[in-house]
Amino acid sequence: MPTYEYQCDKCDHQFEVFQRITDDPVEVCSECGGHVKRLIAATNFILKGAGWHKTDYATPSNDADKKPQACAPENMGPACDGCPAKGE
């Protein structure tokens, strides 16, 4: 069950209340009867592990992108002499 923090506008009294998400928010201060507002508090949510976003959501690497492309036969000229792709 979540913990909500409240602060009174009249006396600045701060307090915590364990409530369900579906429960109505507290509107009255227990100390002075003034109007209270819900505060935004830090959460306990922590992402642990090295590179969770890289390992879980990265696009797969393609080895073909890392290797040089072979020349098309119609583009092979004198500069391709001795190239293994030329097949000599």
PDB file of N, CA and C in Angstrom:
ATOM      1  N   MET A   1       0.844  -1.161   0.000  1.00  0.00           N
ATOM      2  CA  MET A   1       0.000   0.000   0.000  1.00  0.00           C
ATOM      3  C   MET A   1       0.905   1.246   0.000  1.00  0.00           C
ATOM      4  N   PRO A   2       0.609   2.219  -0.883  1.00  0.00           N
ATOM      5  CA  PRO A   2       1.466   3.413  -0.982  1.00  0.00           C
ATOM      6  C   PRO A   2       1.366   4.320   0.238  1.00  0.00           C
ATOM      7  N   THR A   3       2.423   5.042   0.482  1.00  0.00           N
ATOM      8  CA  THR A   3       2.472   6.049   1.522  1.00  0.00           C
ATOM      9  C   THR A   3       2.383   7.416   0.860  1.00  0.00           C
ATOM     10  N   TYR A   4       1.436   8.227   1.296  1.00  0.00           N
ATOM     11  CA  TYR A   4       1.274   9.571   0.764  1.00  0.00           C
ATOM     12  C   TYR A   4       1.653  10.583   1.830  1.00  0.00           C
ATOM     13  N   GLU A   5       2.328  11.641   1.411  1.00  0.00           N
ATOM     14  CA  GLU A   5       2.710  12.720   2.323  1.00  0.00           C
ATOM     15  C   GLU A   5       1.797  13.908   2.093  1.00  0.00           C
ATOM     16  N   TYR A   6       1.409  14.535   3.189  1.00  0.00           N
ATOM     17  CA  TYR A   6       0.535  15.711   3.142  1.00  0.00           C
ATOM     18  C   TYR A   6       1.147  16.833   3.958  1.00  0.00           C
ATOM     19  N   GLN A   7       0.776  18.077   3.606  1.00  0.00           N
ATOM     20  CA  GLN A   7       1.200  19.248   4.377  1.00  0.00           C
ATOM     21  C   GLN A   7       0.013  20.192   4.514  1.00  0.00           C
ATOM     22  N   CYS A   8      -0.169  20.693   5.718  1.00  0.00           N
ATOM     23  CA  CYS A   8      -1.258  21.618   6.011  1.00  0.00           C
ATOM     24  C   CYS A   8      -0.899  23.019   5.513  1.00  0.00           C
ATOM     25  N   ASP A   9      -1.856  23.665   4.848  1.00  0.00           N
ATOM     26  CA  ASP A   9      -1.643  25.033   4.376  1.00  0.00           C
ATOM     27  C   ASP A   9      -1.666  26.040   5.527  1.00  0.00           C
ATOM     28  N   LYS A  10      -2.360  25.701   6.611  1.00  0.00           N
ATOM     29  CA  LYS A  10      -2.554  26.630   7.728  1.00  0.00           C
ATOM     30  C   LYS A  10      -1.410  26.574   8.745  1.00  0.00           C
ATOM     31  N   CYS A  11      -1.053  25.346   9.213  1.00  0.00           N
ATOM     32  CA  CYS A  11      -0.040  25.235  10.275  1.00  0.00           C
ATOM     33  C   CYS A  11       1.269  24.583   9.803  1.00  0.00           C
ATOM     34  N   ASP A  12       1.380  24.228   8.529  1.00  0.00           N
ATOM     35  CA  ASP A  12       2.570  23.598   7.928  1.00  0.00           C
ATOM     36  C   ASP A  12       2.905  22.227   8.524  1.00  0.00           C
ATOM     37  N   HIS A  13       1.956  21.618   9.213  1.00  0.00           N
ATOM     38  CA  HIS A  13       2.147  20.268   9.766  1.00  0.00           C
ATOM     39  C   HIS A  13       2.257  19.275   8.602  1.00  0.00           C
ATOM     40  N   GLN A  14       3.313  18.447   8.641  1.00  0.00           N
ATOM     41  CA  GLN A  14       3.504  17.414   7.621  1.00  0.00           C
ATOM     42  C   GLN A  14       3.261  16.049   8.236  1.00  0.00           C
ATOM     43  N   PHE A  15       2.591  15.171   7.473  1.00  0.00           N
ATOM     44  CA  PHE A  15       2.314  13.824   7.970  1.00  0.00           C
ATOM     45  C   PHE A  15       2.177  12.865   6.794  1.00  0.00           C
ATOM     46  N   GLU A  16       2.309  11.576   7.119  1.00  0.00           N
ATOM     47  CA  GLU A  16       2.203  10.514   6.121  1.00  0.00           C
ATOM     48  C   GLU A  16       0.963   9.678   6.393  1.00  0.00           C
ATOM     49  N   VAL A  17       0.355   9.179   5.323  1.00  0.00           N
ATOM     50  CA  VAL A  17      -0.827   8.335   5.439  1.00  0.00           C
ATOM     51  C   VAL A  17      -0.663   7.148   4.500  1.00  0.00           C
ATOM     52  N   PHE A  18      -0.886   5.929   5.025  1.00  0.00           N
ATOM     53  CA  PHE A  18      -0.912   4.733   4.189  1.00  0.00           C
ATOM     54  C   PHE A  18      -2.311   4.617   3.596  1.00  0.00           C
ATOM     55  N   GLN A  19      -2.404   4.694   2.273  1.00  0.00           N
ATOM     56  CA  GLN A  19      -3.702   4.653   1.606  1.00  0.00           C
ATOM     57  C   GLN A  19      -3.634   3.796   0.348  1.00  0.00           C
ATOM     58  N   ARG A  20      -4.774   3.268  -0.020  1.00  0.00           N
ATOM     59  CA  ARG A  20      -4.881   2.616  -1.319  1.00  0.00           C
ATOM     60  C   ARG A  20      -4.935   3.698  -2.391  1.00  0.00           C
ATOM     61  N   ILE A  21      -4.581   3.340  -3.593  1.00  0.00           N
ATOM     62  CA  ILE A  21      -4.634   4.285  -4.706  1.00  0.00           C
ATOM     63  C   ILE A  21      -6.075   4.755  -4.936  1.00  0.00           C
ATOM     64  N   THR A  22      -7.018   3.876  -4.690  1.00  0.00           N
ATOM     65  CA  THR A  22      -8.424   4.190  -4.932  1.00  0.00           C
ATOM     66  C   THR A  22      -9.061   5.027  -3.823  1.00  0.00           C
ATOM     67  N   ASP A  23      -8.382   5.174  -2.672  1.00  0.00           N
ATOM     68  CA  ASP A  23      -8.923   5.983  -1.568  1.00  0.00           C
ATOM     69  C   ASP A  23      -8.908   7.467  -1.920  1.00  0.00           C
ATOM     70  N   ASP A  24      -9.872   8.204  -1.393  1.00  0.00           N
ATOM     71  CA  ASP A  24      -9.901   9.651  -1.584  1.00  0.00           C
ATOM     72  C   ASP A  24      -8.758  10.290  -0.809  1.00  0.00           C
ATOM     73  N   PRO A  25      -8.166  11.367  -1.349  1.00  0.00           N
ATOM     74  CA  PRO A  25      -7.077  12.029  -0.625  1.00  0.00           C
ATOM     75  C   PRO A  25      -7.580  12.697   0.652  1.00  0.00           C
ATOM     76  N   VAL A  26      -6.676  12.822   1.626  1.00  0.00           N
ATOM     77  CA  VAL A  26      -6.993  13.509   2.881  1.00  0.00           C
ATOM     78  C   VAL A  26      -7.150  14.996   2.568  1.00  0.00           C
ATOM     79  N   GLU A  27      -8.151  15.635   3.180  1.00  0.00           N
ATOM     80  CA  GLU A  27      -8.398  17.057   2.913  1.00  0.00           C
ATOM     81  C   GLU A  27      -8.284  17.943   4.144  1.00  0.00           C
ATOM     82  N   VAL A  28      -8.290  17.332   5.346  1.00  0.00           N
ATOM     83  CA  VAL A  28      -8.309  18.107   6.588  1.00  0.00           C
ATOM     84  C   VAL A  28      -7.114  17.712   7.463  1.00  0.00           C
ATOM     85  N   CYS A  29      -6.447  18.697   8.018  1.00  0.00           N
ATOM     86  CA  CYS A  29      -5.309  18.477   8.911  1.00  0.00           C
ATOM     87  C   CYS A  29      -5.797  17.916  10.243  1.00  0.00           C
ATOM     88  N   SER A  30      -5.109  16.909  10.739  1.00  0.00           N
ATOM     89  CA  SER A  30      -5.487  16.304  12.022  1.00  0.00           C
ATOM     90  C   SER A  30      -5.087  17.186  13.213  1.00  0.00           C
ATOM     91  N   GLU A  31      -4.187  18.132  13.009  1.00  0.00           N
ATOM     92  CA  GLU A  31      -3.720  19.007  14.089  1.00  0.00           C
ATOM     93  C   GLU A  31      -4.613  20.229  14.278  1.00  0.00           C
ATOM     94  N   CYS A  32      -4.913  20.925  13.163  1.00  0.00           N
ATOM     95  CA  CYS A  32      -5.639  22.193  13.305  1.00  0.00           C
ATOM     96  C   CYS A  32      -6.936  22.254  12.503  1.00  0.00           C
ATOM     97  N   GLY A  33      -7.197  21.271  11.668  1.00  0.00           N
ATOM     98  CA  GLY A  33      -8.422  21.269  10.877  1.00  0.00           C
ATOM     99  C   GLY A  33      -8.322  22.056   9.589  1.00  0.00           C
ATOM    100  N   GLY A  34      -7.115  22.552   9.262  1.00  0.00           N
ATOM    101  CA  GLY A  34      -6.913  23.315   8.028  1.00  0.00           C
ATOM    102  C   GLY A  34      -6.874  22.421   6.794  1.00  0.00           C
ATOM    103  N   HIS A  35      -6.848  23.047   5.640  1.00  0.00           N
ATOM    104  CA  HIS A  35      -6.806  22.328   4.366  1.00  0.00           C
ATOM    105  C   HIS A  35      -5.393  21.790   4.130  1.00  0.00           C
ATOM    106  N   VAL A  36      -5.295  20.550   3.661  1.00  0.00           N
ATOM    107  CA  VAL A  36      -3.991  19.944   3.376  1.00  0.00           C
ATOM    108  C   VAL A  36      -3.852  19.682   1.884  1.00  0.00           C
ATOM    109  N   LYS A  37      -2.591  19.618   1.442  1.00  0.00           N
ATOM    110  CA  LYS A  37      -2.300  19.262   0.053  1.00  0.00           C
ATOM    111  C   LYS A  37      -1.335  18.082   0.042  1.00  0.00           C
ATOM    112  N   ARG A  38      -1.466  17.247  -0.973  1.00  0.00           N
ATOM    113  CA  ARG A  38      -0.600  16.077  -1.107  1.00  0.00           C
ATOM    114  C   ARG A  38       0.736  16.527  -1.684  1.00  0.00           C
ATOM    115  N   LEU A  39       1.819  16.042  -1.088  1.00  0.00           N
ATOM    116  CA  LEU A  39       3.165  16.381  -1.539  1.00  0.00           C
ATOM    117  C   LEU A  39       3.685  15.304  -2.488  1.00  0.00           C
ATOM    118  N   ILE A  40       4.588  15.693  -3.345  1.00  0.00           N
ATOM    119  CA  ILE A  40       5.256  14.735  -4.222  1.00  0.00           C
ATOM    120  C   ILE A  40       6.548  14.335  -3.533  1.00  0.00           C
ATOM    121  N   ALA A  41       6.720  13.041  -3.323  1.00  0.00           N
ATOM    122  CA  ALA A  41       7.884  12.547  -2.587  1.00  0.00           C
ATOM    123  C   ALA A  41       8.765  11.696  -3.495  1.00  0.00           C
ATOM    124  N   ALA A  42      10.007  11.533  -3.091  1.00  0.00           N
ATOM    125  CA  ALA A  42      10.930  10.658  -3.812  1.00  0.00           C
ATOM    126  C   ALA A  42      10.460   9.212  -3.691  1.00  0.00           C
ATOM    127  N   THR A  43      10.744   8.430  -4.716  1.00  0.00           N
ATOM    128  CA  THR A  43      10.319   7.033  -4.705  1.00  0.00           C
ATOM    129  C   THR A  43      11.473   6.104  -4.396  1.00  0.00           C
ATOM    130  N   ASN A  44      11.161   4.840  -4.193  1.00  0.00           N
ATOM    131  CA  ASN A  44      12.176   3.822  -3.934  1.00  0.00           C
ATOM    132  C   ASN A  44      12.619   3.129  -5.218  1.00  0.00           C
ATOM    133  N   PHE A  45      12.209   3.608  -6.361  1.00  0.00           N
ATOM    134  CA  PHE A  45      12.495   2.967  -7.635  1.00  0.00           C
ATOM    135  C   PHE A  45      13.948   3.194  -8.018  1.00  0.00           C
ATOM    136  N   ILE A  46      14.716   2.107  -8.125  1.00  0.00           N
ATOM    137  CA  ILE A  46      16.134   2.184  -8.454  1.00  0.00           C
ATOM    138  C   ILE A  46      16.420   1.198  -9.578  1.00  0.00           C
ATOM    139  N   LEU A  47      17.094   1.665 -10.622  1.00  0.00           N
ATOM    140  CA  LEU A  47      17.513   0.791 -11.712  1.00  0.00           C
ATOM    141  C   LEU A  47      18.933   0.329 -11.412  1.00  0.00           C
ATOM    142  N   LYS A  48      19.111  -0.978 -11.308  1.00  0.00           N
ATOM    143  CA  LYS A  48      20.429  -1.522 -10.990  1.00  0.00           C
ATOM    144  C   LYS A  48      20.911  -2.377 -12.139  1.00  0.00           C
ATOM    145  N   GLY A  49      22.205  -2.504 -12.240  1.00  0.00           N
ATOM    146  CA  GLY A  49      22.802  -3.339 -13.266  1.00  0.00           C
ATOM    147  C   GLY A  49      23.485  -2.488 -14.316  1.00  0.00           C
ATOM    148  N   ALA A  50      24.510  -3.049 -14.903  1.00  0.00           N
ATOM    149  CA  ALA A  50      25.273  -2.326 -15.912  1.00  0.00           C
ATOM    150  C   ALA A  50      24.603  -2.458 -17.264  1.00  0.00           C
ATOM    151  N   GLY A  51      24.233  -1.340 -17.821  1.00  0.00           N
ATOM    152  CA  GLY A  51      23.728  -1.311 -19.188  1.00  0.00           C
ATOM    153  C   GLY A  51      22.405  -1.984 -19.413  1.00  0.00           C
ATOM    154  N   TRP A  52      21.488  -1.924 -18.463  1.00  0.00           N
ATOM    155  CA  TRP A  52      20.201  -2.588 -18.632  1.00  0.00           C
ATOM    156  C   TRP A  52      19.496  -2.094 -19.879  1.00  0.00           C
ATOM    157  N   HIS A  53      19.631  -0.816 -20.193  1.00  0.00           N
ATOM    158  CA  HIS A  53      18.953  -0.280 -21.370  1.00  0.00           C
ATOM    159  C   HIS A  53      19.615  -0.736 -22.658  1.00  0.00           C
ATOM    160  N   LYS A  54      20.913  -0.964 -22.639  1.00  0.00           N
ATOM    161  CA  LYS A  54      21.616  -1.422 -23.840  1.00  0.00           C
ATOM    162  C   LYS A  54      21.328  -2.888 -24.116  1.00  0.00           C
ATOM    163  N   THR A  55      21.332  -3.684 -23.070  1.00  0.00           N
ATOM    164  CA  THR A  55      21.146  -5.120 -23.275  1.00  0.00           C
ATOM    165  C   THR A  55      19.694  -5.491 -23.527  1.00  0.00           C
ATOM    166  N   ASP A  56      18.766  -4.732 -23.000  1.00  0.00           N
ATOM    167  CA  ASP A  56      17.364  -5.080 -23.148  1.00  0.00           C
ATOM    168  C   ASP A  56      16.683  -4.427 -24.339  1.00  0.00           C
ATOM    169  N   TYR A  57      17.138  -3.246 -24.729  1.00  0.00           N
ATOM    170  CA  TYR A  57      16.411  -2.501 -25.747  1.00  0.00           C
ATOM    171  C   TYR A  57      17.229  -2.137 -26.980  1.00  0.00           C
ATOM    172  N   ALA A  58      18.479  -2.493 -27.006  1.00  0.00           N
ATOM    173  CA  ALA A  58      19.312  -2.131 -28.147  1.00  0.00           C
ATOM    174  C   ALA A  58      18.948  -2.973 -29.364  1.00  0.00           C
ATOM    175  N   THR A  59      19.183  -2.403 -30.541  1.00  0.00           N
ATOM    176  CA  THR A  59      18.946  -3.169 -31.760  1.00  0.00           C
ATOM    177  C   THR A  59      20.068  -4.193 -31.913  1.00  0.00           C
ATOM    178  N   PRO A  60      19.764  -5.376 -32.435  1.00  0.00           N
ATOM    179  CA  PRO A  60      20.805  -6.390 -32.585  1.00  0.00           C
ATOM    180  C   PRO A  60      21.868  -5.933 -33.577  1.00  0.00           C
ATOM    181  N   SER A  61      23.113  -6.248 -33.281  1.00  0.00           N
ATOM    182  CA  SER A  61      24.193  -5.859 -34.178  1.00  0.00           C
ATOM    183  C   SER A  61      24.195  -6.779 -35.389  1.00  0.00           C
ATOM    184  N   ASN A  62      24.637  -6.242 -36.475  1.00  0.00           N
ATOM    185  CA  ASN A  62      24.676  -6.997 -37.715  1.00  0.00           C
ATOM    186  C   ASN A  62      26.126  -7.079 -38.159  1.00  0.00           C
ATOM    187  N   ASP A  63      26.679  -8.280 -38.207  1.00  0.00           N
ATOM    188  CA  ASP A  63      28.074  -8.455 -38.590  1.00  0.00           C
ATOM    189  C   ASP A  63      28.318  -8.006 -40.021  1.00  0.00           C
ATOM    190  N   ALA A  64      27.319  -8.046 -40.873  1.00  0.00           N
ATOM    191  CA  ALA A  64      27.482  -7.625 -42.256  1.00  0.00           C
ATOM    192  C   ALA A  64      27.824  -6.139 -42.342  1.00  0.00           C
ATOM    193  N   ASP A  65      27.344  -5.352 -41.367  1.00  0.00           N
ATOM    194  CA  ASP A  65      27.649  -3.927 -41.373  1.00  0.00           C
ATOM    195  C   ASP A  65      29.108  -3.661 -41.043  1.00  0.00           C
ATOM    196  N   LYS A  66      29.757  -4.558 -40.342  1.00  0.00           N
ATOM    197  CA  LYS A  66      31.129  -4.363 -39.922  1.00  0.00           C
ATOM    198  C   LYS A  66      32.138  -4.808 -40.986  1.00  0.00           C
ATOM    199  N   LYS A  67      31.738  -5.695 -41.877  1.00  0.00           N
ATOM    200  CA  LYS A  67      32.634  -6.209 -42.911  1.00  0.00           C
ATOM    201  C   LYS A  67      32.527  -5.345 -44.161  1.00  0.00           C
ATOM    202  N   PRO A  68      33.639  -5.146 -44.879  1.00  0.00           N
ATOM    203  CA  PRO A  68      33.560  -4.374 -46.113  1.00  0.00           C
ATOM    204  C   PRO A  68      32.733  -5.109 -47.163  1.00  0.00           C
ATOM    205  N   GLN A  69      32.001  -4.358 -47.944  1.00  0.00           N
ATOM    206  CA  GLN A  69      31.189  -4.935 -49.012  1.00  0.00           C
ATOM    207  C   GLN A  69      32.091  -5.307 -50.185  1.00  0.00           C
ATOM    208  N   ALA A  70      31.817  -6.441 -50.789  1.00  0.00           N
ATOM    209  CA  ALA A  70      32.573  -6.859 -51.974  1.00  0.00           C
ATOM    210  C   ALA A  70      32.171  -5.973 -53.151  1.00  0.00           C
ATOM    211  N   CYS A  71      33.102  -5.736 -54.032  1.00  0.00           N
ATOM    212  CA  CYS A  71      32.827  -4.907 -55.200  1.00  0.00           C
ATOM    213  C   CYS A  71      31.908  -5.658 -56.154  1.00  0.00           C
ATOM    214  N   ALA A  72      31.025  -4.929 -56.786  1.00  0.00           N
ATOM    215  CA  ALA A  72      30.189  -5.529 -57.824  1.00  0.00           C
ATOM    216  C   ALA A  72      31.066  -5.787 -59.041  1.00  0.00           C
ATOM    217  N   PRO A  73      30.879  -6.913 -59.741  1.00  0.00           N
ATOM    218  CA  PRO A  73      31.747  -7.247 -60.889  1.00  0.00           C
ATOM    219  C   PRO A  73      31.792  -6.148 -61.943  1.00  0.00           C
ATOM    220  N   GLU A  74      30.698  -5.453 -62.165  1.00  0.00           N
ATOM    221  CA  GLU A  74      30.705  -4.404 -63.206  1.00  0.00           C
ATOM    222  C   GLU A  74      31.495  -3.169 -62.793  1.00  0.00           C
ATOM    223  N   ASN A  75      31.775  -3.022 -61.488  1.00  0.00           N
ATOM    224  CA  ASN A  75      32.528  -1.871 -61.006  1.00  0.00           C
ATOM    225  C   ASN A  75      34.010  -2.154 -60.828  1.00  0.00           C
ATOM    226  N   MET A  76      34.448  -3.385 -61.051  1.00  0.00           N
ATOM    227  CA  MET A  76      35.853  -3.727 -60.827  1.00  0.00           C
ATOM    228  C   MET A  76      36.697  -3.190 -61.976  1.00  0.00           C
ATOM    229  N   GLY A  77      37.701  -2.469 -61.594  1.00  0.00           N
ATOM    230  CA  GLY A  77      38.608  -1.892 -62.579  1.00  0.00           C
ATOM    231  C   GLY A  77      40.041  -2.148 -62.172  1.00  0.00           C
ATOM    232  N   PRO A  78      40.974  -1.372 -62.691  1.00  0.00           N
ATOM    233  CA  PRO A  78      42.402  -1.571 -62.382  1.00  0.00           C
ATOM    234  C   PRO A  78      42.715  -1.388 -60.900  1.00  0.00           C
ATOM    235  N   ALA A  79      41.922  -0.591 -60.184  1.00  0.00           N
ATOM    236  CA  ALA A  79      42.186  -0.387 -58.763  1.00  0.00           C
ATOM    237  C   ALA A  79      41.885  -1.636 -57.948  1.00  0.00           C
ATOM    238  N   CYS A  80      41.132  -2.572 -58.520  1.00  0.00           N
ATOM    239  CA  CYS A  80      40.755  -3.793 -57.800  1.00  0.00           C
ATOM    240  C   CYS A  80      41.735  -4.939 -58.037  1.00  0.00           C
ATOM    241  N   ASP A  81      42.811  -4.703 -58.774  1.00  0.00           N
ATOM    242  CA  ASP A  81      43.805  -5.763 -59.005  1.00  0.00           C
ATOM    243  C   ASP A  81      44.367  -6.253 -57.685  1.00  0.00           C
ATOM    244  N   GLY A  82      44.361  -7.547 -57.479  1.00  0.00           N
ATOM    245  CA  GLY A  82      44.836  -8.146 -56.249  1.00  0.00           C
ATOM    246  C   GLY A  82      43.784  -8.227 -55.168  1.00  0.00           C
ATOM    247  N   CYS A  83      42.583  -7.726 -55.397  1.00  0.00           N
ATOM    248  CA  CYS A  83      41.509  -7.770 -54.415  1.00  0.00           C
ATOM    249  C   CYS A  83      40.944  -9.193 -54.365  1.00  0.00           C
ATOM    250  N   PRO A  84      40.745  -9.780 -53.161  1.00  0.00           N
ATOM    251  CA  PRO A  84      40.211 -11.138 -53.087  1.00  0.00           C
ATOM    252  C   PRO A  84      38.794 -11.242 -53.662  1.00  0.00           C
ATOM    253  N   ALA A  85      38.048 -10.144 -53.673  1.00  0.00           N
ATOM    254  CA  ALA A  85      36.705 -10.178 -54.215  1.00  0.00           C
ATOM    255  C   ALA A  85      36.711 -10.319 -55.738  1.00  0.00           C
ATOM    256  N   LYS A  86      37.828  -9.935 -56.368  1.00  0.00           N
ATOM    257  CA  LYS A  86      37.921 -10.021 -57.827  1.00  0.00           C
ATOM    258  C   LYS A  86      38.035 -11.460 -58.292  1.00  0.00           C
ATOM    259  N   GLY A  87      38.536 -12.307 -57.418  1.00  0.00           N
ATOM    260  CA  GLY A  87      38.603 -13.721 -57.719  1.00  0.00           C
ATOM    261  C   GLY A  87      39.785 -14.127 -58.586  1.00  0.00           C
ATOM    262  N   GLU A  88      40.868 -13.374 -58.598  1.00  0.00           N
ATOM    263  CA  GLU A  88      42.023 -13.743 -59.404  1.00  0.00           C
ATOM    264  C   GLU A  88      42.962 -14.649 -58.667  1.00  0.00           C
TER     265      GLU A  88
END
